[in-house]
Amino acid sequence: MKRTGGKYSVGDELTMADIVLAPTVEAGIRWGVDFSVLQRTQEIYDRLKVLPCFEEGDWRHQEDTPEELRAK
């Protein structure tokens, strides 16, 4: 399998791969998956989670999220 470089899953531009990756990693984190063994995946996720479009779309930032579960 060819390894791609860049900031995101496929190069330096956001793609559908990143849109799918972020919530998948979020679900894994909630279930206690250790992503430290997937260093590239963790690096990409760390870049994605701080982008305004991903942060605003995150379930913890929605107006109907219970207060105790909202992002701080």
Protein backbone atom coordinates (compact mmCIF):
# COMPACT_ATOMS: atom_id res chain seq x y z
CA MET A 1 0.00 0.00 0.00
CA LYS A 2 1.31 3.42 -0.93
CA ARG A 3 1.74 5.81 1.98
CA THR A 4 0.57 9.33 1.28
CA GLY A 5 2.19 12.38 2.72
CA GLY A 6 0.80 15.75 3.62
CA LYS A 7 -1.21 17.27 6.43
CA TYR A 8 -4.35 15.20 5.91
CA SER A 9 -5.36 11.71 4.84
CA VAL A 10 -4.61 12.33 1.16
CA GLY A 11 -2.20 15.22 0.76
CA ASP A 12 -2.62 18.78 2.00
CA GLU A 13 -6.29 19.30 1.11
CA LEU A 14 -9.31 18.05 3.05
CA THR A 15 -11.02 15.11 1.37
CA MET A 16 -13.90 12.77 2.07
CA ALA A 17 -11.35 10.52 3.78
CA ASP A 18 -10.87 13.19 6.47
CA ILE A 19 -14.60 13.77 6.83
CA VAL A 20 -15.03 10.06 7.56
CA LEU A 21 -11.88 9.74 9.66
CA ALA A 22 -12.73 12.35 12.30
CA PRO A 23 -16.00 10.83 13.60
CA THR A 24 -14.56 7.33 13.35
CA VAL A 25 -11.64 8.27 15.59
CA GLU A 26 -14.04 10.09 17.94
CA ALA A 27 -16.11 6.92 18.29
CA GLY A 28 -12.99 4.89 18.92
CA ILE A 29 -11.82 7.29 21.62
CA ARG A 30 -15.22 7.06 23.35
CA TRP A 31 -14.81 3.26 23.41
CA GLY A 32 -11.24 3.46 24.74
CA VAL A 33 -9.34 2.57 21.57
CA ASP A 34 -5.64 3.37 21.89
CA PHE A 35 -4.69 5.29 18.78
CA SER A 36 -1.06 5.70 19.82
CA VAL A 37 -0.20 2.64 17.71
CA LEU A 38 -1.67 4.44 14.68
CA GLN A 39 0.61 7.45 14.81
CA ARG A 40 -0.30 8.84 11.37
CA THR A 41 -4.02 8.51 12.09
CA GLN A 42 -3.56 10.30 15.42
CA GLU A 43 -1.56 13.10 13.78
CA ILE A 44 -4.22 13.65 11.13
CA TYR A 45 -7.01 13.58 13.70
CA ASP A 46 -5.16 16.11 15.88
CA ARG A 47 -5.04 18.49 12.88
CA LEU A 48 -8.68 17.90 11.98
CA LYS A 49 -10.23 18.33 15.41
CA VAL A 50 -9.10 21.96 15.72
CA LEU A 51 -10.45 23.08 12.35
CA PRO A 52 -13.54 25.29 12.82
CA CYS A 53 -15.69 23.20 10.45
CA PHE A 54 -14.98 20.01 12.41
CA GLU A 55 -15.28 21.70 15.78
CA GLU A 56 -18.66 23.23 14.90
CA GLY A 57 -19.93 19.91 13.55
CA ASP A 58 -18.82 17.94 16.60
CA TRP A 59 -21.70 16.57 18.67
CA ARG A 60 -20.28 18.19 21.83
CA HIS A 61 -20.79 21.64 20.29
CA GLN A 62 -24.44 21.23 19.26
CA GLU A 63 -27.14 23.31 20.92
CA ASP A 64 -29.15 20.20 21.88
CA THR A 65 -26.19 18.48 23.57
CA PRO A 66 -26.84 18.16 27.32
CA GLU A 67 -24.86 20.74 29.25
CA GLU A 68 -22.82 18.11 31.14
CA LEU A 69 -21.61 16.61 27.85
CA ARG A 70 -20.75 19.86 26.05
CA ALA A 71 -17.18 20.77 25.19
CA LYS A 72 -15.62 23.12 27.64
